[in-house]
Amino acid sequence: MLRDGARCGLAVRLPDGSIYGERSAWISFSGAGFLSWPFVRGFPILLETLINGVRAFNRSIVLAEGAAGDGSGAWRTAVSIALAILVAAVLFIFAPHLLSSAMHFINLGGDVDGASFHLWDGFFKCAIFMAYIYFIGFFPEIRRIYEYHGAEHKIIQAWESGENVSARGARRGSRLHPRCGTTFALVVICVAIILQSFLIPLFLKFWTPRDPVAKHLLTIALKLVFIAPISACAYEIIRLGANLPAGRLSFLLQAPGLATQRLTTREPDACQLEVAVVALNEAVGGGDDYDVSPAPYSREFKPVITEK
């Protein structure tokens, strides 16, 4: 799935080996008003990326199975997003908090009103994040997704170079790209370490519940609230790193994200690159105005009818 402005293109390799492509509107929350302001737009963009990504993923599953769909796409997307948010909260908020509390219990860190607690919390966030994306890559299905992820990056690199975009030509490109969701997630974690280590102890200096459990629950609630400003700052850092001319500063800003992408991308094969080119062709609108050479594909989906 690739996006170009207000539309996105989706391409799927069908069970019979052919490629199906379709175009849809990009669900956006950051297009107008104050939600498009710098240091505000990052959180709406995070939400819309999650929603559009899950929607496209669920749609691709239905298409890859050769089914037309049963009309439950909206419900499937809503449930998938809810589960994704729940898993993310458990892995990257509750688990690091519990582990940091354990470090305080064994006298290797402070309580929630001290910076050391949140430094441990950030360390565990990074460790869980890196371990998670590394180990799920051993599953064949996830590895396949990582390969398609690399194909998307190669096609984008070819498109941004201004040359003709084809599966054969894109193979020479890098599978790493500075404006990637993986980079966004990593920068969010890094910014969270800095801001939470300062802002949460500062807040607790003004008011702290007497009950220890309430104090921990308040801290977790503050972490959830801070997701919006943290993601907003992270987005601006990524934009800055991507727009800076080549040099030491741009390298320092981009290097952690690009290194992490070595875990979340794999070298794609020719068939996967063909699918990515079709997705790009659908996203940019196709036609003679764009120098894109997709493999033959269909925009008319014919579901597979199975006998019962």
C-alpha atoms as a PDB file:
ATOM      1  CA  MET A   1       0.000   0.000   0.000  1.00  0.00           C
ATOM      2  CA  LEU A   2       1.383   3.397  -1.030  1.00  0.00           C
ATOM      3  CA  ARG A   3      -0.023   6.871  -0.550  1.00  0.00           C
ATOM      4  CA  ASP A   4       0.064   9.975  -2.700  1.00  0.00           C
ATOM      5  CA  GLY A   5      -1.664  12.933  -1.082  1.00  0.00           C
ATOM      6  CA  ALA A   6      -5.374  12.337  -0.631  1.00  0.00           C
ATOM      7  CA  ARG A   7      -5.411   8.864  -2.176  1.00  0.00           C
ATOM      8  CA  CYS A   8      -3.685   5.553  -1.686  1.00  0.00           C
ATOM      9  CA  GLY A   9      -3.076   2.589  -3.920  1.00  0.00           C
ATOM     10  CA  LEU A  10      -3.378  -1.028  -2.860  1.00  0.00           C
ATOM     11  CA  ALA A  11      -2.032  -3.969  -4.849  1.00  0.00           C
ATOM     12  CA  VAL A  12      -2.405  -7.661  -4.025  1.00  0.00           C
ATOM     13  CA  ARG A  13      -1.060 -10.829  -5.602  1.00  0.00           C
ATOM     14  CA  LEU A  14      -4.142 -13.013  -6.042  1.00  0.00           C
ATOM     15  CA  PRO A  15      -4.234 -16.803  -5.580  1.00  0.00           C
ATOM     16  CA  ASP A  16      -4.030 -17.360  -9.352  1.00  0.00           C
ATOM     17  CA  GLY A  17      -0.786 -15.345  -9.547  1.00  0.00           C
ATOM     18  CA  SER A  18      -2.301 -12.241 -11.144  1.00  0.00           C
ATOM     19  CA  ILE A  19      -2.107  -8.769  -9.592  1.00  0.00           C
ATOM     20  CA  TYR A  20      -5.148  -6.761  -8.560  1.00  0.00           C
ATOM     21  CA  GLY A  21      -4.909  -3.025  -7.923  1.00  0.00           C
ATOM     22  CA  GLU A  22      -7.370  -0.530  -6.511  1.00  0.00           C
ATOM     23  CA  ARG A  23      -7.430   3.108  -5.463  1.00  0.00           C
ATOM     24  CA  SER A  24      -9.157   4.612  -2.444  1.00  0.00           C
ATOM     25  CA  ALA A  25      -9.321   7.869  -0.537  1.00  0.00           C
ATOM     26  CA  TRP A  26      -6.872   8.360   2.310  1.00  0.00           C
ATOM     27  CA  ILE A  27      -8.714   8.873   5.598  1.00  0.00           C
ATOM     28  CA  SER A  28      -7.148  12.046   6.976  1.00  0.00           C
ATOM     29  CA  PHE A  29      -7.459  14.032  10.198  1.00  0.00           C
ATOM     30  CA  SER A  30      -4.599  16.472   9.577  1.00  0.00           C
ATOM     31  CA  GLY A  31      -5.592  18.111   6.309  1.00  0.00           C
ATOM     32  CA  ALA A  32      -7.020  21.398   7.555  1.00  0.00           C
ATOM     33  CA  GLY A  33      -7.356  23.723  10.530  1.00  0.00           C
ATOM     34  CA  PHE A  34      -5.140  23.643  13.578  1.00  0.00           C
ATOM     35  CA  LEU A  35      -4.622  19.891  13.186  1.00  0.00           C
ATOM     36  CA  SER A  36      -2.298  20.677  10.273  1.00  0.00           C
ATOM     37  CA  TRP A  37      -0.109  23.022  12.337  1.00  0.00           C
ATOM     38  CA  PRO A  38       3.515  22.054  13.063  1.00  0.00           C
ATOM     39  CA  PHE A  39       3.926  20.371  16.466  1.00  0.00           C
ATOM     40  CA  VAL A  40       0.229  19.458  16.344  1.00  0.00           C
ATOM     41  CA  ARG A  41      -0.104  17.417  13.137  1.00  0.00           C
ATOM     42  CA  GLY A  42       2.069  14.524  14.328  1.00  0.00           C
ATOM     43  CA  PHE A  43      -0.615  12.882  16.486  1.00  0.00           C
ATOM     44  CA  PRO A  44      -3.423  13.074  13.875  1.00  0.00           C
ATOM     45  CA  ILE A  45      -0.993  11.679  11.295  1.00  0.00           C
ATOM     46  CA  LEU A  46      -0.151   8.823  13.668  1.00  0.00           C
ATOM     47  CA  LEU A  47      -3.850   7.990  14.032  1.00  0.00           C
ATOM     48  CA  GLU A  48      -4.638   8.187  10.332  1.00  0.00           C
ATOM     49  CA  THR A  49      -1.601   6.069   9.470  1.00  0.00           C
ATOM     50  CA  LEU A  50      -2.784   3.395  11.888  1.00  0.00           C
ATOM     51  CA  ILE A  51      -6.349   3.425  10.550  1.00  0.00           C
ATOM     52  CA  ASN A  52      -5.407   3.421   6.868  1.00  0.00           C
ATOM     53  CA  GLY A  53      -2.709   0.814   7.386  1.00  0.00           C
ATOM     54  CA  VAL A  54      -4.979  -1.601   9.233  1.00  0.00           C
ATOM     55  CA  ARG A  55      -7.768  -1.034   6.707  1.00  0.00           C
ATOM     56  CA  ALA A  56      -5.432  -1.831   3.805  1.00  0.00           C
ATOM     57  CA  PHE A  57      -3.988  -4.861   5.596  1.00  0.00           C
ATOM     58  CA  ASN A  58      -7.429  -6.336   6.266  1.00  0.00           C
ATOM     59  CA  ARG A  59      -8.499  -5.628   2.692  1.00  0.00           C
ATOM     60  CA  SER A  60      -5.411  -7.366   1.350  1.00  0.00           C
ATOM     61  CA  ILE A  61      -6.183 -10.462   3.422  1.00  0.00           C
ATOM     62  CA  VAL A  62      -9.684 -10.673   1.973  1.00  0.00           C
ATOM     63  CA  LEU A  63      -8.376 -10.216  -1.573  1.00  0.00           C
ATOM     64  CA  ALA A  64      -5.509 -12.678  -1.143  1.00  0.00           C
ATOM     65  CA  GLU A  65      -8.020 -15.290  -0.008  1.00  0.00           C
ATOM     66  CA  GLY A  66      -9.900 -14.753  -3.253  1.00  0.00           C
ATOM     67  CA  ALA A  67     -13.069 -13.505  -1.566  1.00  0.00           C
ATOM     68  CA  ALA A  68     -15.129 -10.463  -2.442  1.00  0.00           C
ATOM     69  CA  GLY A  69     -15.681  -9.587   1.198  1.00  0.00           C
ATOM     70  CA  ASP A  70     -18.711  -9.994   3.395  1.00  0.00           C
ATOM     71  CA  GLY A  71     -19.329  -6.326   4.150  1.00  0.00           C
ATOM     72  CA  SER A  72     -17.657  -6.549   7.561  1.00  0.00           C
ATOM     73  CA  GLY A  73     -14.623  -4.499   6.553  1.00  0.00           C
ATOM     74  CA  ALA A  74     -15.401  -1.591   8.891  1.00  0.00           C
ATOM     75  CA  TRP A  75     -15.951  -3.910  11.852  1.00  0.00           C
ATOM     76  CA  ARG A  76     -12.831  -5.903  11.044  1.00  0.00           C
ATOM     77  CA  THR A  77     -10.792  -2.695  10.900  1.00  0.00           C
ATOM     78  CA  ALA A  78     -12.253  -1.386  14.166  1.00  0.00           C
ATOM     79  CA  VAL A  79     -11.532  -4.637  16.003  1.00  0.00           C
ATOM     80  CA  SER A  80      -8.005  -4.807  14.548  1.00  0.00           C
ATOM     81  CA  ILE A  81      -7.265  -1.232  15.638  1.00  0.00           C
ATOM     82  CA  ALA A  82      -8.621  -1.891  19.129  1.00  0.00           C
ATOM     83  CA  LEU A  83      -6.461  -5.004  19.463  1.00  0.00           C
ATOM     84  CA  ALA A  84      -3.407  -3.166  18.114  1.00  0.00           C
ATOM     85  CA  ILE A  85      -3.866  -0.353  20.643  1.00  0.00           C
ATOM     86  CA  LEU A  86      -4.370  -2.855  23.465  1.00  0.00           C
ATOM     87  CA  VAL A  87      -1.228  -4.817  22.564  1.00  0.00           C
ATOM     88  CA  ALA A  88       0.784  -1.594  22.201  1.00  0.00           C
ATOM     89  CA  ALA A  89      -0.424  -0.362  25.594  1.00  0.00           C
ATOM     90  CA  VAL A  90       0.504  -3.643  27.284  1.00  0.00           C
ATOM     91  CA  LEU A  91       3.930  -3.955  25.630  1.00  0.00           C
ATOM     92  CA  PHE A  92       5.078  -0.340  25.630  1.00  0.00           C
ATOM     93  CA  ILE A  93       3.306   1.278  28.590  1.00  0.00           C
ATOM     94  CA  PHE A  94       2.263  -1.250  31.236  1.00  0.00           C
ATOM     95  CA  ALA A  95       5.142  -3.737  30.857  1.00  0.00           C
ATOM     96  CA  PRO A  96       7.941  -1.098  31.000  1.00  0.00           C
ATOM     97  CA  HIS A  97       6.196   0.525  33.958  1.00  0.00           C
ATOM     98  CA  LEU A  98       6.055  -2.763  35.871  1.00  0.00           C
ATOM     99  CA  LEU A  99       9.693  -3.530  35.053  1.00  0.00           C
ATOM    100  CA  SER A 100      10.747  -0.049  36.192  1.00  0.00           C
ATOM    101  CA  SER A 101       8.796  -0.579  39.420  1.00  0.00           C
ATOM    102  CA  ALA A 102      10.752  -3.816  39.887  1.00  0.00           C
ATOM    103  CA  MET A 103      14.021  -1.870  39.521  1.00  0.00           C
ATOM    104  CA  HIS A 104      12.813   0.502  42.238  1.00  0.00           C
ATOM    105  CA  PHE A 105      11.874  -2.477  44.426  1.00  0.00           C
ATOM    106  CA  ILE A 106      15.417  -3.894  44.232  1.00  0.00           C
ATOM    107  CA  ASN A 107      16.929  -0.436  44.838  1.00  0.00           C
ATOM    108  CA  LEU A 108      18.336   0.034  41.332  1.00  0.00           C
ATOM    109  CA  GLY A 109      16.068   2.965  40.505  1.00  0.00           C
ATOM    110  CA  GLY A 110      13.867   5.619  42.020  1.00  0.00           C
ATOM    111  CA  ASP A 111      10.110   5.966  42.388  1.00  0.00           C
ATOM    112  CA  VAL A 112       7.798   7.448  39.739  1.00  0.00           C
ATOM    113  CA  ASP A 113       8.491  10.981  40.988  1.00  0.00           C
ATOM    114  CA  GLY A 114      12.165  10.661  40.052  1.00  0.00           C
ATOM    115  CA  ALA A 115      13.876  10.802  36.658  1.00  0.00           C
ATOM    116  CA  SER A 116      15.648   7.448  37.107  1.00  0.00           C
ATOM    117  CA  PHE A 117      12.324   5.590  37.076  1.00  0.00           C
ATOM    118  CA  HIS A 118      11.462   7.036  33.668  1.00  0.00           C
ATOM    119  CA  LEU A 119      14.948   6.432  32.304  1.00  0.00           C
ATOM    120  CA  TRP A 120      14.525   2.757  33.183  1.00  0.00           C
ATOM    121  CA  ASP A 121      11.057   2.926  31.653  1.00  0.00           C
ATOM    122  CA  GLY A 122      12.535   4.268  28.403  1.00  0.00           C
ATOM    123  CA  PHE A 123      15.236   1.615  28.400  1.00  0.00           C
ATOM    124  CA  PHE A 124      12.660  -1.161  28.725  1.00  0.00           C
ATOM    125  CA  LYS A 125      10.493   0.444  26.021  1.00  0.00           C
ATOM    126  CA  CYS A 126      13.417   0.380  23.581  1.00  0.00           C
ATOM    127  CA  ALA A 127      14.408  -3.153  24.562  1.00  0.00           C
ATOM    128  CA  ILE A 128      10.874  -4.520  24.168  1.00  0.00           C
ATOM    129  CA  PHE A 129      10.391  -2.696  20.856  1.00  0.00           C
ATOM    130  CA  MET A 130      13.636  -3.985  19.343  1.00  0.00           C
ATOM    131  CA  ALA A 131      13.109  -7.519  20.657  1.00  0.00           C
ATOM    132  CA  TYR A 132       9.535  -7.571  19.378  1.00  0.00           C
ATOM    133  CA  ILE A 133      10.309  -6.550  15.792  1.00  0.00           C
ATOM    134  CA  TYR A 134      13.335  -8.871  15.743  1.00  0.00           C
ATOM    135  CA  PHE A 135      11.658 -12.048  16.961  1.00  0.00           C
ATOM    136  CA  ILE A 136       8.401 -11.720  14.996  1.00  0.00           C
ATOM    137  CA  GLY A 137      10.600 -11.569  11.887  1.00  0.00           C
ATOM    138  CA  PHE A 138      11.224 -15.301  12.290  1.00  0.00           C
ATOM    139  CA  PHE A 139       7.587 -16.040  11.437  1.00  0.00           C
ATOM    140  CA  PRO A 140       7.315 -16.734   7.684  1.00  0.00           C
ATOM    141  CA  GLU A 141       4.209 -14.526   7.325  1.00  0.00           C
ATOM    142  CA  ILE A 142       5.881 -11.571   9.056  1.00  0.00           C
ATOM    143  CA  ARG A 143       9.072 -12.059   7.078  1.00  0.00           C
ATOM    144  CA  ARG A 144       6.943 -11.837   3.938  1.00  0.00           C
ATOM    145  CA  ILE A 145       5.487  -8.561   5.196  1.00  0.00           C
ATOM    146  CA  TYR A 146       9.010  -7.260   5.868  1.00  0.00           C
ATOM    147  CA  GLU A 147       9.916  -8.124   2.262  1.00  0.00           C
ATOM    148  CA  TYR A 148       6.920  -6.185   0.949  1.00  0.00           C
ATOM    149  CA  HIS A 149       7.957  -3.345   3.261  1.00  0.00           C
ATOM    150  CA  GLY A 150      11.356  -3.322   1.569  1.00  0.00           C
ATOM    151  CA  ALA A 151       9.652  -3.363  -1.834  1.00  0.00           C
ATOM    152  CA  GLU A 152       7.620  -0.274  -0.929  1.00  0.00           C
ATOM    153  CA  HIS A 153      10.786   1.584   0.046  1.00  0.00           C
ATOM    154  CA  LYS A 154      12.608   0.618  -3.136  1.00  0.00           C
ATOM    155  CA  ILE A 155       9.710   1.803  -5.278  1.00  0.00           C
ATOM    156  CA  ILE A 156       9.491   5.097  -3.380  1.00  0.00           C
ATOM    157  CA  GLN A 157      13.233   5.626  -3.828  1.00  0.00           C
ATOM    158  CA  ALA A 158      12.836   5.070  -7.580  1.00  0.00           C
ATOM    159  CA  TRP A 159       9.853   7.433  -7.735  1.00  0.00           C
ATOM    160  CA  GLU A 160      11.654  10.197  -5.841  1.00  0.00           C
ATOM    161  CA  SER A 161      14.694   9.882  -8.119  1.00  0.00           C
ATOM    162  CA  GLY A 162      12.548  11.037 -11.041  1.00  0.00           C
ATOM    163  CA  GLU A 163      13.440   8.056 -13.186  1.00  0.00           C
ATOM    164  CA  ASN A 164      11.140   5.510 -14.738  1.00  0.00           C
ATOM    165  CA  VAL A 165       9.693   3.287 -12.027  1.00  0.00           C
ATOM    166  CA  SER A 166       9.734  -0.403 -12.827  1.00  0.00           C
ATOM    167  CA  ALA A 167      10.266  -3.589 -10.856  1.00  0.00           C
ATOM    168  CA  ARG A 168      13.590  -4.257 -12.598  1.00  0.00           C
ATOM    169  CA  GLY A 169      14.951  -0.734 -12.133  1.00  0.00           C
ATOM    170  CA  ALA A 170      13.873  -0.473  -8.498  1.00  0.00           C
ATOM    171  CA  ARG A 171      15.903  -3.527  -7.472  1.00  0.00           C
ATOM    172  CA  ARG A 172      19.021  -1.349  -7.391  1.00  0.00           C
ATOM    173  CA  GLY A 173      17.531   0.974  -4.774  1.00  0.00           C
ATOM    174  CA  SER A 174      17.859   0.823  -1.020  1.00  0.00           C
ATOM    175  CA  ARG A 175      15.258  -0.910   1.097  1.00  0.00           C
ATOM    176  CA  LEU A 176      15.767   1.798   3.755  1.00  0.00           C
ATOM    177  CA  HIS A 177      13.948   5.147   3.718  1.00  0.00           C
ATOM    178  CA  PRO A 178      14.170   8.042   6.224  1.00  0.00           C
ATOM    179  CA  ARG A 179      10.408   8.729   6.247  1.00  0.00           C
ATOM    180  CA  CYS A 180       9.243   5.361   7.489  1.00  0.00           C
ATOM    181  CA  GLY A 181       6.760   4.303  10.134  1.00  0.00           C
ATOM    182  CA  THR A 182       9.486   2.311  11.872  1.00  0.00           C
ATOM    183  CA  THR A 183      11.541   5.483  12.218  1.00  0.00           C
ATOM    184  CA  PHE A 184       8.468   7.293  13.534  1.00  0.00           C
ATOM    185  CA  ALA A 185       7.927   4.639  16.230  1.00  0.00           C
ATOM    186  CA  LEU A 186      11.570   4.715  17.318  1.00  0.00           C
ATOM    187  CA  VAL A 187      11.694   8.521  17.505  1.00  0.00           C
ATOM    188  CA  VAL A 188       8.457   8.513  19.509  1.00  0.00           C
ATOM    189  CA  ILE A 189      10.098   6.222  22.068  1.00  0.00           C
ATOM    190  CA  CYS A 190      13.242   8.374  22.236  1.00  0.00           C
ATOM    191  CA  VAL A 191      11.267  11.608  22.647  1.00  0.00           C
ATOM    192  CA  ALA A 192       9.104   9.889  25.275  1.00  0.00           C
ATOM    193  CA  ILE A 193      12.207   9.054  27.334  1.00  0.00           C
ATOM    194  CA  ILE A 194      13.280  12.696  27.374  1.00  0.00           C
ATOM    195  CA  LEU A 195       9.907  14.353  27.947  1.00  0.00           C
ATOM    196  CA  GLN A 196       8.526  11.855  30.450  1.00  0.00           C
ATOM    197  CA  SER A 197      11.720  11.951  32.532  1.00  0.00           C
ATOM    198  CA  PHE A 198      11.197  15.690  32.929  1.00  0.00           C
ATOM    199  CA  LEU A 199       7.450  16.342  32.731  1.00  0.00           C
ATOM    200  CA  ILE A 200       6.062  13.555  34.928  1.00  0.00           C
ATOM    201  CA  PRO A 201       8.312  14.257  37.963  1.00  0.00           C
ATOM    202  CA  LEU A 202       7.526  17.968  37.472  1.00  0.00           C
ATOM    203  CA  PHE A 203       3.785  17.272  37.513  1.00  0.00           C
ATOM    204  CA  LEU A 204       4.064  15.054  40.590  1.00  0.00           C
ATOM    205  CA  LYS A 205       5.840  17.846  42.459  1.00  0.00           C
ATOM    206  CA  PHE A 206       2.652  19.894  42.276  1.00  0.00           C
ATOM    207  CA  TRP A 207       0.298  17.073  43.247  1.00  0.00           C
ATOM    208  CA  THR A 208       0.919  13.466  44.190  1.00  0.00           C
ATOM    209  CA  PRO A 209      -1.730  11.029  45.472  1.00  0.00           C
ATOM    210  CA  ARG A 210      -0.947   9.607  48.882  1.00  0.00           C
ATOM    211  CA  ASP A 211      -1.944   6.095  47.908  1.00  0.00           C
ATOM    212  CA  PRO A 212       0.970   4.366  46.058  1.00  0.00           C
ATOM    213  CA  VAL A 213      -1.365   2.528  43.694  1.00  0.00           C
ATOM    214  CA  ALA A 214      -3.127   5.771  42.785  1.00  0.00           C
ATOM    215  CA  LYS A 215       0.248   7.409  42.169  1.00  0.00           C
ATOM    216  CA  HIS A 216       1.234   4.674  39.718  1.00  0.00           C
ATOM    217  CA  LEU A 217      -2.150   4.809  37.989  1.00  0.00           C
ATOM    218  CA  LEU A 218      -1.817   8.582  37.632  1.00  0.00           C
ATOM    219  CA  THR A 219       1.643   8.137  36.136  1.00  0.00           C
ATOM    220  CA  ILE A 220       0.331   5.650  33.587  1.00  0.00           C
ATOM    221  CA  ALA A 221      -2.534   8.033  32.745  1.00  0.00           C
ATOM    222  CA  LEU A 222      -0.033  10.844  32.194  1.00  0.00           C
ATOM    223  CA  LYS A 223       1.960   8.631  29.827  1.00  0.00           C
ATOM    224  CA  LEU A 224      -1.186   8.052  27.784  1.00  0.00           C
ATOM    225  CA  VAL A 225      -1.963  11.774  27.709  1.00  0.00           C
ATOM    226  CA  PHE A 226       1.590  12.623  26.660  1.00  0.00           C
ATOM    227  CA  ILE A 227       1.354  10.390  23.573  1.00  0.00           C
ATOM    228  CA  ALA A 228      -0.171  13.307  21.637  1.00  0.00           C
ATOM    229  CA  PRO A 229       2.584  15.920  22.239  1.00  0.00           C
ATOM    230  CA  ILE A 230       5.323  13.282  22.057  1.00  0.00           C
ATOM    231  CA  SER A 231       4.183  12.011  18.647  1.00  0.00           C
ATOM    232  CA  ALA A 232       3.818  15.614  17.457  1.00  0.00           C
ATOM    233  CA  CYS A 233       7.432  16.393  18.379  1.00  0.00           C
ATOM    234  CA  ALA A 234       8.664  13.105  16.901  1.00  0.00           C
ATOM    235  CA  TYR A 235       7.008  13.844  13.559  1.00  0.00           C
ATOM    236  CA  GLU A 236       8.723  17.231  13.293  1.00  0.00           C
ATOM    237  CA  ILE A 237      12.092  15.658  14.084  1.00  0.00           C
ATOM    238  CA  ILE A 238      11.599  13.121  11.286  1.00  0.00           C
ATOM    239  CA  ARG A 239      10.626  15.857   8.823  1.00  0.00           C
ATOM    240  CA  LEU A 240      13.678  17.872   9.850  1.00  0.00           C
ATOM    241  CA  GLY A 241      16.002  14.920   9.371  1.00  0.00           C
ATOM    242  CA  ALA A 242      14.502  14.058   5.980  1.00  0.00           C
ATOM    243  CA  ASN A 243      14.665  17.639   4.666  1.00  0.00           C
ATOM    244  CA  LEU A 244      18.158  18.541   5.859  1.00  0.00           C
ATOM    245  CA  PRO A 245      20.952  18.446   3.282  1.00  0.00           C
ATOM    246  CA  ALA A 246      23.368  15.549   3.583  1.00  0.00           C
ATOM    247  CA  GLY A 247      25.708  16.094   6.505  1.00  0.00           C
ATOM    248  CA  ARG A 248      26.501  15.082  10.057  1.00  0.00           C
ATOM    249  CA  LEU A 249      23.285  16.445  11.559  1.00  0.00           C
ATOM    250  CA  SER A 250      21.011  14.720   9.043  1.00  0.00           C
ATOM    251  CA  PHE A 251      23.018  11.515   9.482  1.00  0.00           C
ATOM    252  CA  LEU A 252      22.628  11.625  13.274  1.00  0.00           C
ATOM    253  CA  LEU A 253      18.879  12.214  13.001  1.00  0.00           C
ATOM    254  CA  GLN A 254      18.306   9.495  10.405  1.00  0.00           C
ATOM    255  CA  ALA A 255      20.802   6.823  11.494  1.00  0.00           C
ATOM    256  CA  PRO A 256      18.811   5.223  14.383  1.00  0.00           C
ATOM    257  CA  GLY A 257      15.675   4.859  12.275  1.00  0.00           C
ATOM    258  CA  LEU A 258      17.537   3.523   9.253  1.00  0.00           C
ATOM    259  CA  ALA A 259      19.352   1.013  11.453  1.00  0.00           C
ATOM    260  CA  THR A 260      16.039  -0.190  12.878  1.00  0.00           C
ATOM    261  CA  GLN A 261      14.649  -0.616   9.364  1.00  0.00           C
ATOM    262  CA  ARG A 262      17.257  -3.316   8.812  1.00  0.00           C
ATOM    263  CA  LEU A 263      15.046  -5.370  11.118  1.00  0.00           C
ATOM    264  CA  THR A 264      11.665  -4.368   9.661  1.00  0.00           C
ATOM    265  CA  THR A 265      12.590  -4.715   5.980  1.00  0.00           C
ATOM    266  CA  ARG A 266      14.002  -7.544   3.888  1.00  0.00           C
ATOM    267  CA  GLU A 267      15.213  -7.665   0.302  1.00  0.00           C
ATOM    268  CA  PRO A 268      12.120  -8.242  -1.870  1.00  0.00           C
ATOM    269  CA  ASP A 269      11.943 -10.515  -4.872  1.00  0.00           C
ATOM    270  CA  ALA A 270      10.890  -9.463  -8.375  1.00  0.00           C
ATOM    271  CA  CYS A 271       7.283 -10.544  -7.835  1.00  0.00           C
ATOM    272  CA  GLN A 272       6.954  -8.363  -4.732  1.00  0.00           C
ATOM    273  CA  LEU A 273       8.456  -5.383  -6.538  1.00  0.00           C
ATOM    274  CA  GLU A 274       5.885  -5.850  -9.300  1.00  0.00           C
ATOM    275  CA  VAL A 275       3.096  -5.607  -6.734  1.00  0.00           C
ATOM    276  CA  ALA A 276       4.644  -2.464  -5.229  1.00  0.00           C
ATOM    277  CA  VAL A 277       4.847  -0.785  -8.653  1.00  0.00           C
ATOM    278  CA  VAL A 278       1.147  -1.464  -9.187  1.00  0.00           C
ATOM    279  CA  ALA A 279       0.353   0.083  -5.790  1.00  0.00           C
ATOM    280  CA  LEU A 280       2.335   3.181  -6.779  1.00  0.00           C
ATOM    281  CA  ASN A 281       0.572   3.378 -10.143  1.00  0.00           C
ATOM    282  CA  GLU A 282      -2.784   3.318  -8.378  1.00  0.00           C
ATOM    283  CA  ALA A 283      -1.687   5.873  -5.780  1.00  0.00           C
ATOM    284  CA  VAL A 284      -0.416   8.463  -8.278  1.00  0.00           C
ATOM    285  CA  GLY A 285      -3.372   7.983 -10.585  1.00  0.00           C
ATOM    286  CA  GLY A 286      -1.805   6.077 -13.467  1.00  0.00           C
ATOM    287  CA  GLY A 287      -1.976   7.436 -16.995  1.00  0.00           C
ATOM    288  CA  ASP A 288       0.632   8.911 -19.310  1.00  0.00           C
ATOM    289  CA  ASP A 289       1.507  11.789 -16.979  1.00  0.00           C
ATOM    290  CA  TYR A 290       3.588   9.511 -14.757  1.00  0.00           C
ATOM    291  CA  ASP A 291       6.675   7.535 -15.677  1.00  0.00           C
ATOM    292  CA  VAL A 292       5.554   4.296 -14.059  1.00  0.00           C
ATOM    293  CA  SER A 293       5.778   0.927 -15.814  1.00  0.00           C
ATOM    294  CA  PRO A 294       3.672  -1.585 -13.889  1.00  0.00           C
ATOM    295  CA  ALA A 295       3.294  -5.225 -14.793  1.00  0.00           C
ATOM    296  CA  PRO A 296      -0.075  -6.160 -16.301  1.00  0.00           C
ATOM    297  CA  TYR A 297      -2.778  -6.087 -13.655  1.00  0.00           C
ATOM    298  CA  SER A 298      -6.515  -5.844 -13.273  1.00  0.00           C
ATOM    299  CA  ARG A 299      -8.705  -3.279 -11.547  1.00  0.00           C
ATOM    300  CA  GLU A 300     -11.712  -5.593 -11.783  1.00  0.00           C
ATOM    301  CA  PHE A 301     -11.763  -8.113  -8.964  1.00  0.00           C
ATOM    302  CA  LYS A 302     -13.361 -11.502  -9.610  1.00  0.00           C
ATOM    303  CA  PRO A 303     -13.895 -13.451  -6.379  1.00  0.00           C
ATOM    304  CA  VAL A 304     -13.133 -17.132  -6.257  1.00  0.00           C
ATOM    305  CA  ILE A 305     -16.359 -19.085  -5.910  1.00  0.00           C
ATOM    306  CA  THR A 306     -15.904 -22.289  -3.973  1.00  0.00           C
ATOM    307  CA  GLU A 307     -18.396 -25.128  -4.053  1.00  0.00           C
ATOM    308  CA  LYS A 308     -19.886 -26.146  -0.745  1.00  0.00           C
END
